[in-house]
Amino acid sequence: MRRLYVFDTTLRDGEQSLGITLNVKEKLEIGQQLVKLGVDIIEAGFPASSPGDLESVRTIARELKGVIICGLTRAVVSDIDLCAEALRKAEYPRIHTGIGVSPVHMEKKLKLTPDQVVEQAVAAVKYAKKYVSDIEFYAEDAFRSDPLFLARVIEQVISAGATVVNIPDTVGYANPWEYGDLIGSVVKNVKNIDKAIVSVHCHNDLGMATANSLAGIKAGASQVEGTINGIGERAGNTSLEEVIMSIYTRRDGYGVESHVNTREISATSRLVSRITGVTVPDHKAIVGANAFNHASGIHQDGVLKDRETYEIIKPETIGVPQNLISLTARSGRHALKHCLEELGYHVEGTQLDEVYQRFLHLADLKKEVFDQDLYVLMGDSESGVSSIVLQSMAIATSGVEMATATVTLEIEGNMMTDAACGNGPVNALFNTIDRITGSNATLEDYTLKSVTRSSEALGEATVKLRYEDGRLVVGKGFSTDVIEASAKAYINALEKRVEFKTE
């Protein structure tokens, strides 16, 4: 198979559209993750655009190894000089220079004749070649250019020393079949095209950036340019994660393979979203929150029987631990039974029917039913009464570490109150509960996590207590107050083991 080179422009084309400026540290953090992802080229910025961009490109070029570092320029000598300076310490430097080639760009923006554009393009490539051997030329707005003129420009810049030729759909105007034809025409009709790599760079104004990029690859392009999460000018750039996984999933259809580590896709998407502040829509392909989330009862039943009924990509392939079953009023018995079993409940037959009817009543009241709701649901169906009830608690802190907890528990009908100190509020809380209950168990693990994705934002606390006989007991607690959730989890673990003396 042909090698597909992945060119990431998140730090240039993506960043310039944000309305904010990322600092050097933020850009470097994204760059380091892109290296983990395994992209081949990182376009670090446009050095001539600002002193900040110059410094960012310089830092990334110095710090990141094992990847080509690219800087963008116009076909202007001063731009190229600054770019070369910024890339001076790069292990593998590339200068990306170019000029508009469509009639509207040449006439309205550049005010140059076609011959002047060719002359300036060739001069820029030759000048950049003095600094580095790897030169990429972009023919801006190539899709709306005259195909014969485009072929002329490309042939001459390759003769001048360009190693990569970028054929952009700058304004996202193409259809996939048209863009594929354009790339095919370049590959077929440019005499010296075998001396350069053909690259595709598509924008998403009509929602076809990924489709156009894939059409270009199938037609002979060996480099694809895009951004993580599809951020970029106007409606964005090609989403690299979409192209990568389209080829990974349907590799026989394109005849190419990349060296990307797909298991880093989810982590890279989350990092870029966090640093840029651009939220990934839940329905976003590959990396959206709902990409592996099944809500329909029919879909849930199918995917629980065989994942491939409704999933064409294994979630772990992109670094997501597992798919999700969202319990809503549209969920069926199979999904409810599965989620209950995940929590340790085994219900069958008429008991499942009874629980399911209560579940439907609850689901009608809530948009989504979470794990903590199921705990309550199953508690309602059991006759046992909790032997320990948290009646009240108060935490007082002194300085940044010391805390005192006062707790009142109802143990088998008896009210018991005590207080203890600890290294922080949770430690003080657990010490107080131990004093009241007489527990001598060892706390082996304590974790907190959010169990909702909405404004309800309940926290789940988990504790693991080990007793002298070696037995390990796990307790869970839920509350919007993480301290209260911690107390409930500790009490839940104690209920499973400790015998109390209340006299």
Protein backbone atom coordinates (compact mmCIF):
# COMPACT_ATOMS: atom_id res chain seq x y z
CA MET A 1 0.00 0.00 0.00
CA ARG A 2 1.01 3.63 -0.53
CA ARG A 3 2.19 5.53 2.53
CA LEU A 4 -0.21 8.30 3.56
CA TYR A 5 1.55 11.21 5.27
CA VAL A 6 -0.55 13.02 7.88
CA PHE A 7 -0.02 16.79 8.05
CA ASP A 8 -1.51 18.45 11.13
CA THR A 9 -2.27 22.17 10.97
CA THR A 10 -4.12 22.50 14.29
CA LEU A 11 -1.49 24.96 15.54
CA ARG A 12 -1.68 27.11 12.40
CA ASP A 13 -4.93 26.90 10.42
CA GLY A 14 -6.84 25.75 13.49
CA GLU A 15 -5.43 28.25 15.97
CA GLN A 16 -5.80 31.28 13.69
CA SER A 17 -9.59 30.80 13.66
CA LEU A 18 -10.14 30.71 17.43
CA GLY A 19 -10.31 34.41 18.20
CA ILE A 20 -7.69 33.78 20.89
CA THR A 21 -3.93 33.30 20.85
CA LEU A 22 -2.48 30.18 22.41
CA ASN A 23 0.72 30.75 24.35
CA VAL A 24 3.96 28.89 23.69
CA LYS A 25 3.39 26.43 26.54
CA GLU A 26 -0.08 25.51 25.27
CA LYS A 27 1.13 25.05 21.71
CA LEU A 28 4.02 22.90 22.88
CA GLU A 29 1.68 20.71 24.93
CA ILE A 30 -0.50 20.12 21.87
CA GLY A 31 2.59 19.50 19.75
CA GLN A 32 3.89 16.87 22.17
CA GLN A 33 0.56 15.05 22.01
CA LEU A 34 0.59 15.20 18.21
CA VAL A 35 3.96 13.43 18.30
CA LYS A 36 2.38 10.70 20.47
CA LEU A 37 -0.45 10.47 17.95
CA GLY A 38 2.13 9.83 15.26
CA VAL A 39 1.44 12.56 12.72
CA ASP A 40 4.21 13.02 10.15
CA ILE A 41 4.20 16.81 9.85
CA ILE A 42 3.22 19.53 12.35
CA GLU A 43 2.55 22.95 10.88
CA ALA A 44 3.57 24.97 13.92
CA GLY A 45 2.47 28.41 12.78
CA PHE A 46 2.97 31.43 10.51
CA PRO A 47 6.16 33.06 11.83
CA ALA A 48 5.74 36.34 9.92
CA SER A 49 2.25 36.94 11.34
CA SER A 50 3.41 38.01 14.82
CA PRO A 51 6.36 37.86 17.26
CA GLY A 52 4.36 35.37 19.34
CA ASP A 53 3.91 33.01 16.40
CA LEU A 54 7.60 33.33 15.54
CA GLU A 55 8.55 32.34 19.09
CA SER A 56 6.06 29.46 19.13
CA VAL A 57 7.43 27.98 15.91
CA ARG A 58 10.99 28.46 17.15
CA THR A 59 10.23 26.65 20.44
CA ILE A 60 8.35 23.78 18.81
CA ALA A 61 11.11 23.36 16.23
CA ARG A 62 13.70 23.14 19.01
CA GLU A 63 11.76 20.87 21.38
CA LEU A 64 9.91 18.33 19.21
CA LYS A 65 11.88 15.50 17.64
CA GLY A 66 11.06 12.68 15.26
CA VAL A 67 8.56 14.75 13.26
CA ILE A 68 8.74 17.30 10.42
CA ILE A 69 8.15 20.84 11.71
CA CYS A 70 6.63 23.15 9.13
CA GLY A 71 6.17 26.92 8.99
CA LEU A 72 3.82 28.78 6.66
CA THR A 73 4.83 31.77 4.51
CA ARG A 74 3.47 33.84 1.70
CA ALA A 75 5.54 33.95 -1.50
CA VAL A 76 7.43 36.87 0.03
CA VAL A 77 11.16 37.01 0.78
CA SER A 78 10.76 38.52 4.27
CA ASP A 79 8.24 35.82 5.25
CA ILE A 80 10.60 33.09 4.10
CA ASP A 81 13.54 34.62 5.99
CA LEU A 82 11.56 34.68 9.27
CA CYS A 83 10.29 31.14 8.73
CA ALA A 84 13.81 29.84 8.09
CA GLU A 85 15.02 31.55 11.27
CA ALA A 86 12.19 29.99 13.30
CA LEU A 87 12.92 26.52 11.91
CA ARG A 88 16.69 26.77 12.31
CA LYS A 89 16.91 24.18 15.13
CA ALA A 90 14.28 21.79 13.77
CA GLU A 91 15.41 18.20 13.28
CA TYR A 92 13.36 18.00 10.06
CA PRO A 93 12.38 21.52 8.86
CA ARG A 94 9.88 22.28 6.07
CA ILE A 95 8.94 25.67 4.59
CA HIS A 96 5.36 25.86 3.30
CA THR A 97 5.09 28.71 0.81
CA GLY A 98 2.57 29.56 -1.89
CA ILE A 99 0.25 31.94 -3.67
CA GLY A 100 -3.32 32.22 -4.94
CA VAL A 101 -3.97 30.67 -8.37
CA SER A 102 -7.69 31.19 -9.01
CA PRO A 103 -8.88 34.08 -11.22
CA VAL A 104 -10.60 35.79 -8.29
CA HIS A 105 -7.46 35.62 -6.15
CA MET A 106 -5.11 36.75 -8.89
CA GLU A 107 -7.31 39.63 -10.08
CA LYS A 108 -9.00 40.86 -6.90
CA LYS A 109 -6.56 40.05 -4.08
CA LEU A 110 -3.11 39.87 -5.63
CA LYS A 111 -3.71 42.15 -8.65
CA LEU A 112 -1.25 40.05 -10.64
CA THR A 113 -1.38 38.50 -14.08
CA PRO A 114 -1.13 34.69 -14.40
CA ASP A 115 2.45 35.01 -15.70
CA GLN A 116 3.39 37.15 -12.70
CA VAL A 117 1.88 34.57 -10.34
CA VAL A 118 3.95 31.80 -11.92
CA GLU A 119 7.08 33.93 -11.70
CA GLN A 120 6.48 34.78 -8.01
CA ALA A 121 5.67 31.16 -7.13
CA VAL A 122 8.87 29.85 -8.74
CA ALA A 123 10.98 32.59 -7.14
CA ALA A 124 9.59 31.81 -3.68
CA VAL A 125 10.34 28.09 -3.97
CA LYS A 126 13.88 28.75 -5.21
CA TYR A 127 14.52 31.23 -2.42
CA ALA A 128 13.19 28.89 0.27
CA LYS A 129 15.35 26.11 -1.16
CA LYS A 130 18.43 28.07 -0.04
CA TYR A 131 17.44 27.38 3.56
CA VAL A 132 15.93 23.87 3.59
CA SER A 133 15.61 20.96 1.21
CA ASP A 134 11.98 20.17 2.05
CA ILE A 135 9.67 22.73 0.39
CA GLU A 136 5.90 22.47 0.20
CA PHE A 137 4.08 24.73 -2.25
CA TYR A 138 0.41 25.60 -1.79
CA ALA A 139 -1.68 26.67 -4.77
CA GLU A 140 -4.28 28.68 -2.84
CA ASP A 141 -7.87 28.28 -4.06
CA ALA A 142 -6.70 25.59 -6.49
CA PHE A 143 -10.15 24.10 -6.94
CA ARG A 144 -11.51 27.30 -8.46
CA SER A 145 -8.49 27.76 -10.71
CA ASP A 146 -8.19 26.88 -14.38
CA PRO A 147 -6.95 23.25 -14.46
CA LEU A 148 -4.47 23.94 -17.27
CA PHE A 149 -3.00 26.93 -15.45
CA LEU A 150 -2.85 24.92 -12.20
CA ALA A 151 -0.91 22.17 -13.98
CA ARG A 152 1.50 24.79 -15.36
CA VAL A 153 2.16 26.27 -11.91
CA ILE A 154 2.68 22.89 -10.29
CA GLU A 155 5.08 21.68 -12.97
CA GLN A 156 7.21 24.80 -12.67
CA VAL A 157 7.40 24.86 -8.85
CA ILE A 158 8.42 21.18 -8.83
CA SER A 159 11.17 22.04 -11.33
CA ALA A 160 12.19 24.86 -8.97
CA GLY A 161 12.59 22.40 -6.08
CA ALA A 162 9.21 21.84 -4.41
CA THR A 163 9.01 18.41 -2.77
CA VAL A 164 5.30 18.59 -1.88
CA VAL A 165 2.49 20.29 -3.84
CA ASN A 166 -0.64 21.21 -1.91
CA ILE A 167 -3.90 21.41 -3.95
CA PRO A 168 -6.35 23.13 -1.59
CA ASP A 169 -10.11 23.52 -1.76
CA THR A 170 -9.61 26.74 0.18
CA VAL A 171 -13.26 27.79 0.41
CA GLY A 172 -14.87 24.34 0.66
CA TYR A 173 -16.61 24.63 -2.72
CA ALA A 174 -15.89 21.21 -4.18
CA ASN A 175 -17.96 18.04 -4.37
CA PRO A 176 -16.07 14.79 -3.76
CA TRP A 177 -16.31 13.58 -7.37
CA GLU A 178 -15.08 16.96 -8.66
CA TYR A 179 -12.20 17.18 -6.21
CA GLY A 180 -11.18 13.60 -6.95
CA ASP A 181 -11.17 14.42 -10.66
CA LEU A 182 -8.95 17.46 -10.03
CA ILE A 183 -6.37 15.45 -8.07
CA GLY A 184 -6.51 12.70 -10.69
CA SER A 185 -5.91 15.28 -13.42
CA VAL A 186 -2.87 16.67 -11.59
CA VAL A 187 -1.41 13.19 -11.09
CA LYS A 188 -2.01 12.30 -14.74
CA ASN A 189 -1.10 15.51 -16.56
CA VAL A 190 1.76 17.17 -14.64
CA LYS A 191 4.85 15.73 -16.32
CA ASN A 192 7.18 15.80 -13.29
CA ILE A 193 4.59 14.96 -10.63
CA ASP A 194 6.53 11.81 -9.72
CA LYS A 195 9.17 14.08 -8.15
CA ALA A 196 6.77 15.46 -5.52
CA ILE A 197 4.12 14.33 -3.06
CA VAL A 198 0.57 15.50 -3.83
CA SER A 199 -1.24 16.87 -0.78
CA VAL A 200 -4.94 17.59 -0.16
CA HIS A 201 -6.16 20.45 2.05
CA CYS A 202 -9.94 20.87 2.26
CA HIS A 203 -12.27 23.21 4.13
CA ASN A 204 -15.72 22.31 5.37
CA ASP A 205 -17.96 25.16 4.20
CA LEU A 206 -20.41 22.73 2.57
CA GLY A 207 -19.76 19.92 5.06
CA MET A 208 -17.66 17.85 2.66
CA ALA A 209 -14.07 18.37 3.83
CA THR A 210 -13.58 14.77 4.93
CA ALA A 211 -15.31 13.34 1.85
CA ASN A 212 -13.27 15.57 -0.47
CA SER A 213 -10.01 14.65 1.26
CA LEU A 214 -10.78 10.95 0.94
CA ALA A 215 -11.68 11.40 -2.74
CA GLY A 216 -8.35 13.14 -3.29
CA ILE A 217 -6.45 10.35 -1.54
CA LYS A 218 -8.20 7.71 -3.63
CA ALA A 219 -7.29 9.68 -6.76
CA GLY A 220 -3.57 9.61 -5.92
CA ALA A 221 -2.73 12.11 -3.16
CA SER A 222 -0.24 10.80 -0.59
CA GLN A 223 -0.54 13.56 2.02
CA VAL A 224 -3.64 14.78 3.84
CA GLU A 225 -3.83 18.05 5.76
CA GLY A 226 -6.31 18.80 8.52
CA THR A 227 -6.85 19.62 12.17
CA ILE A 228 -7.87 17.79 15.32
CA ASN A 229 -11.64 18.12 15.90
CA GLY A 230 -11.90 19.90 12.54
CA ILE A 231 -11.24 23.38 13.96
CA GLY A 232 -10.31 26.02 11.41
CA GLU A 233 -11.39 29.01 9.36
CA ARG A 234 -15.15 29.53 8.97
CA ALA A 235 -16.76 26.05 9.10
CA GLY A 236 -13.42 24.40 9.82
CA ASN A 237 -10.87 22.12 8.20
CA THR A 238 -10.85 18.43 7.45
CA SER A 239 -11.08 16.51 10.75
CA LEU A 240 -7.95 14.38 10.78
CA GLU A 241 -9.52 11.84 13.13
CA GLU A 242 -12.31 11.27 10.60
CA VAL A 243 -9.91 10.70 7.70
CA ILE A 244 -7.63 8.47 9.76
CA MET A 245 -10.45 6.25 10.99
CA SER A 246 -12.20 6.16 7.60
CA ILE A 247 -9.02 4.74 6.09
CA TYR A 248 -8.42 2.45 9.09
CA THR A 249 -11.96 1.07 8.87
CA ARG A 250 -12.19 0.87 5.08
CA ARG A 251 -8.51 0.46 4.24
CA ASP A 252 -9.12 -1.75 1.19
CA GLY A 253 -10.96 1.10 -0.50
CA TYR A 254 -8.11 3.62 -0.57
CA GLY A 255 -4.88 1.71 -1.10
CA VAL A 256 -3.01 3.70 1.56
CA GLU A 257 -1.95 3.29 5.16
CA SER A 258 -0.77 5.78 7.79
CA HIS A 259 1.57 5.39 10.74
CA VAL A 260 -0.82 7.08 13.17
CA ASN A 261 -1.33 5.53 16.61
CA THR A 262 -5.13 5.47 16.62
CA ARG A 263 -5.29 4.77 20.37
CA GLU A 264 -4.14 8.35 20.98
CA ILE A 265 -7.03 9.91 19.01
CA SER A 266 -9.43 10.35 21.92
CA ALA A 267 -6.74 11.79 24.22
CA THR A 268 -5.59 14.21 21.50
CA SER A 269 -9.14 15.38 20.84
CA ARG A 270 -9.78 16.02 24.54
CA LEU A 271 -6.50 17.91 24.95
CA VAL A 272 -7.14 20.18 21.97
CA SER A 273 -10.69 20.85 23.18
CA ARG A 274 -9.48 21.69 26.69
CA ILE A 275 -6.68 24.02 25.61
CA THR A 276 -8.55 25.80 22.81
CA GLY A 277 -11.86 25.98 24.66
CA VAL A 278 -13.68 24.67 21.56
CA THR A 279 -16.24 22.13 22.75
CA VAL A 280 -16.60 18.93 20.73
CA PRO A 281 -20.29 18.41 19.85
CA ASP A 282 -21.77 15.24 21.35
CA HIS A 283 -22.73 14.01 17.87
CA LYS A 284 -19.25 14.63 16.37
CA ALA A 285 -17.99 11.65 14.37
CA ILE A 286 -15.30 9.51 16.04
CA VAL A 287 -14.64 11.71 19.11
CA GLY A 288 -18.07 13.03 20.15
CA ALA A 289 -19.53 11.90 23.49
CA ASN A 290 -22.27 9.99 21.67
CA ALA A 291 -19.99 8.28 19.14
CA PHE A 292 -20.08 5.03 21.17
CA ASN A 293 -23.22 5.75 23.18
CA HIS A 294 -26.35 3.70 22.48
CA ALA A 295 -29.71 5.13 23.55
CA SER A 296 -32.37 3.41 21.43
CA GLY A 297 -33.75 0.20 22.91
CA ILE A 298 -33.44 -1.59 19.56
CA HIS A 299 -29.81 -0.51 19.20
CA GLN A 300 -29.01 -1.43 22.81
CA ASP A 301 -30.47 -4.90 22.39
CA GLY A 302 -28.47 -5.45 19.21
CA VAL A 303 -25.12 -4.16 20.47
CA LEU A 304 -25.41 -6.18 23.69
CA LYS A 305 -25.92 -9.33 21.62
CA ASP A 306 -23.11 -8.51 19.18
CA ARG A 307 -21.16 -5.24 19.09
CA GLU A 308 -20.91 -5.29 15.31
CA THR A 309 -24.66 -4.92 14.90
CA TYR A 310 -24.33 -1.16 15.53
CA GLU A 311 -20.59 -0.43 15.90
CA ILE A 312 -18.14 -0.35 13.01
CA ILE A 313 -15.24 0.80 15.20
CA LYS A 314 -14.21 -0.69 18.52
CA PRO A 315 -14.09 2.19 21.05
CA GLU A 316 -10.73 1.01 22.41
CA THR A 317 -9.25 1.49 18.91
CA ILE A 318 -9.29 5.27 19.46
CA GLY A 319 -8.50 5.07 23.18
CA VAL A 320 -12.04 4.99 24.61
CA PRO A 321 -12.32 2.24 27.28
CA GLN A 322 -15.77 0.96 26.26
CA ASN A 323 -19.07 1.86 24.68
CA LEU A 324 -21.92 3.30 26.76
CA ILE A 325 -25.52 2.30 27.25
CA SER A 326 -27.65 5.36 28.02
CA LEU A 327 -30.74 4.44 29.98
CA THR A 328 -33.73 6.50 28.90
CA ALA A 329 -37.46 5.93 28.48
CA ARG A 330 -36.61 4.35 25.09
CA SER A 331 -34.43 1.63 26.65
CA GLY A 332 -35.65 -1.93 26.84
CA ARG A 333 -35.40 -4.70 29.44
CA HIS A 334 -32.18 -6.06 27.96
CA ALA A 335 -30.34 -2.75 28.46
CA LEU A 336 -31.71 -2.33 32.00
CA LYS A 337 -30.74 -5.88 32.94
CA HIS A 338 -27.22 -5.32 31.53
CA CYS A 339 -26.69 -2.08 33.48
CA LEU A 340 -27.98 -3.64 36.70
CA GLU A 341 -25.61 -6.57 36.27
CA GLU A 342 -22.74 -4.09 35.83
CA LEU A 343 -23.64 -2.82 39.31
CA GLY A 344 -23.86 -6.32 40.79
CA TYR A 345 -27.64 -6.86 40.66
CA HIS A 346 -29.05 -10.01 39.04
CA VAL A 347 -32.75 -9.88 38.27
CA GLU A 348 -34.81 -12.25 36.14
CA GLY A 349 -38.39 -12.98 35.18
CA THR A 350 -41.15 -11.28 37.14
CA GLN A 351 -38.68 -9.38 39.32
CA LEU A 352 -37.14 -7.83 36.20
CA ASP A 353 -40.64 -6.93 34.95
CA GLU A 354 -41.43 -5.18 38.24
CA VAL A 355 -38.12 -3.29 38.30
CA TYR A 356 -38.56 -2.34 34.63
CA GLN A 357 -41.96 -0.75 35.29
CA ARG A 358 -40.48 1.35 38.10
CA PHE A 359 -37.58 2.22 35.82
CA LEU A 360 -39.94 3.47 33.10
CA HIS A 361 -41.72 5.67 35.63
CA LEU A 362 -38.38 7.13 36.73
CA ALA A 363 -37.15 7.51 33.13
CA ASP A 364 -40.26 9.51 32.23
CA LEU A 365 -39.30 12.00 34.93
CA LYS A 366 -35.62 12.28 33.97
CA LYS A 367 -33.80 12.78 30.67
CA GLU A 368 -31.35 10.00 31.52
CA VAL A 369 -31.12 7.44 34.32
CA PHE A 370 -27.65 7.09 35.87
CA ASP A 371 -25.99 4.45 38.05
CA GLN A 372 -26.92 6.21 41.29
CA ASP A 373 -30.57 6.19 40.19
CA LEU A 374 -30.37 2.43 39.72
CA TYR A 375 -28.96 1.99 43.22
CA VAL A 376 -31.96 3.86 44.58
CA LEU A 377 -34.28 1.92 42.29
CA MET A 378 -32.97 -1.41 43.58
CA GLY A 379 -33.00 -0.16 47.17
CA ASP A 380 -36.72 0.50 46.80
CA SER A 381 -37.26 -3.09 45.78
CA GLU A 382 -35.45 -4.62 48.75
CA SER A 383 -37.00 -5.17 52.17
CA GLY A 384 -33.82 -4.68 54.14
CA VAL A 385 -33.34 -1.46 56.10
CA SER A 386 -29.94 0.20 56.38
CA SER A 387 -28.39 -0.47 59.79
CA ILE A 388 -26.41 2.81 59.72
CA VAL A 389 -27.93 6.14 58.69
CA LEU A 390 -25.95 9.35 58.34
CA GLN A 391 -28.04 11.92 60.20
CA SER A 392 -25.72 14.93 60.10
CA MET A 393 -22.13 15.99 59.71
CA ALA A 394 -20.14 19.19 60.07
CA ILE A 395 -16.59 19.91 58.98
CA ALA A 396 -14.38 22.64 60.42
CA THR A 397 -10.97 23.33 58.89
CA SER A 398 -7.92 24.96 60.41
CA GLY A 399 -5.25 26.03 57.96
CA VAL A 400 -4.72 24.13 54.73
CA GLU A 401 -4.45 20.64 56.23
CA MET A 402 -6.07 20.12 59.63
CA ALA A 403 -9.81 19.51 59.87
CA THR A 404 -12.32 18.40 62.52
CA ALA A 405 -15.43 16.39 61.69
CA THR A 406 -18.52 16.07 63.88
CA VAL A 407 -20.83 13.26 62.83
CA THR A 408 -24.17 11.90 64.04
CA LEU A 409 -25.09 8.37 63.00
CA GLU A 410 -28.24 6.39 63.65
CA ILE A 411 -27.16 2.83 64.29
CA GLU A 412 -30.00 0.33 64.62
CA GLY A 413 -32.26 3.04 66.03
CA ASN A 414 -29.67 4.62 68.39
CA MET A 415 -28.29 8.12 67.81
CA MET A 416 -24.54 8.40 68.31
CA THR A 417 -22.43 11.56 67.91
CA ASP A 418 -18.68 12.01 68.07
CA ALA A 419 -15.88 14.13 66.64
CA ALA A 420 -12.31 13.56 65.50
CA CYS A 421 -9.50 15.38 63.76
CA GLY A 422 -7.75 14.43 60.57
CA ASN A 423 -5.40 15.50 57.81
CA GLY A 424 -8.11 17.11 55.70
CA PRO A 425 -11.93 16.88 55.81
CA VAL A 426 -12.28 13.35 54.38
CA ASN A 427 -9.66 11.88 56.70
CA ALA A 428 -11.33 13.59 59.70
CA LEU A 429 -14.71 12.27 58.57
CA PHE A 430 -13.48 8.67 58.31
CA ASN A 431 -11.70 8.91 61.69
CA THR A 432 -14.95 10.08 63.32
CA ILE A 433 -16.99 7.27 61.78
CA ASP A 434 -14.36 4.77 63.00
CA ARG A 435 -14.67 6.18 66.57
CA ILE A 436 -18.46 5.85 66.52
CA THR A 437 -18.57 2.37 65.01
CA GLY A 438 -15.43 0.93 66.60
CA SER A 439 -14.13 -0.09 63.19
CA ASN A 440 -10.46 -1.08 62.88
CA ALA A 441 -10.46 -1.70 59.14
CA THR A 442 -7.65 -0.36 56.94
CA LEU A 443 -8.58 2.02 54.16
CA GLU A 444 -6.91 0.60 51.04
CA ASP A 445 -8.38 2.83 48.35
CA TYR A 446 -10.53 5.92 48.01
CA THR A 447 -11.67 7.49 44.72
CA LEU A 448 -14.02 10.22 43.58
CA LYS A 449 -15.51 10.73 40.13
CA SER A 450 -18.39 12.49 38.42
CA VAL A 451 -21.19 10.19 37.30
CA THR A 452 -23.28 12.68 35.34
CA ARG A 453 -22.54 14.87 32.36
CA SER A 454 -25.16 17.51 33.08
CA SER A 455 -25.82 20.23 35.65
CA GLU A 456 -27.03 17.50 38.06
CA ALA A 457 -23.34 16.62 38.47
CA LEU A 458 -23.50 13.94 41.16
CA GLY A 459 -20.26 12.63 42.56
CA GLU A 460 -19.54 8.95 43.20
CA ALA A 461 -17.19 8.00 46.04
CA THR A 462 -15.71 4.51 46.31
CA VAL A 463 -13.85 3.14 49.32
CA LYS A 464 -12.15 -0.20 49.85
CA LEU A 465 -11.71 -1.42 53.45
CA ARG A 466 -9.61 -4.44 54.40
CA TYR A 467 -10.19 -6.26 57.68
CA GLU A 468 -7.81 -8.28 59.84
CA ASP A 469 -9.07 -11.54 58.34
CA GLY A 470 -7.98 -10.29 54.91
CA ARG A 471 -11.46 -9.71 53.54
CA LEU A 472 -11.77 -6.65 51.25
CA VAL A 473 -15.08 -4.75 51.29
CA VAL A 474 -16.12 -2.12 48.75
CA GLY A 475 -18.56 0.69 49.51
CA LYS A 476 -20.12 3.33 47.27
CA GLY A 477 -21.85 6.61 47.98
CA PHE A 478 -23.52 9.27 45.82
CA SER A 479 -24.21 12.94 46.46
CA THR A 480 -23.83 16.36 44.91
CA ASP A 481 -21.60 17.05 47.94
CA VAL A 482 -18.41 15.03 47.56
CA ILE A 483 -17.80 14.98 51.33
CA GLU A 484 -21.26 13.54 51.93
CA ALA A 485 -20.70 11.03 49.11
CA SER A 486 -17.47 9.98 50.85
CA ALA A 487 -19.28 9.47 54.18
CA LYS A 488 -22.00 7.40 52.53
CA ALA A 489 -19.42 5.22 50.76
CA TYR A 490 -17.54 4.58 53.99
CA ILE A 491 -20.76 3.71 55.82
CA ASN A 492 -21.86 1.46 52.96
CA ALA A 493 -18.61 -0.52 53.29
CA LEU A 494 -18.99 -0.77 57.06
CA GLU A 495 -22.54 -2.07 56.75
CA LYS A 496 -21.26 -5.03 54.81
CA ARG A 497 -18.93 -6.18 57.55
CA VAL A 498 -18.95 -4.57 61.00
CA GLU A 499 -20.99 -5.79 63.98
CA PHE A 500 -21.88 -2.91 66.26
CA LYS A 501 -22.23 -2.59 70.02
CA THR A 502 -24.56 0.25 70.89
CA GLU A 503 -25.03 -0.25 74.62
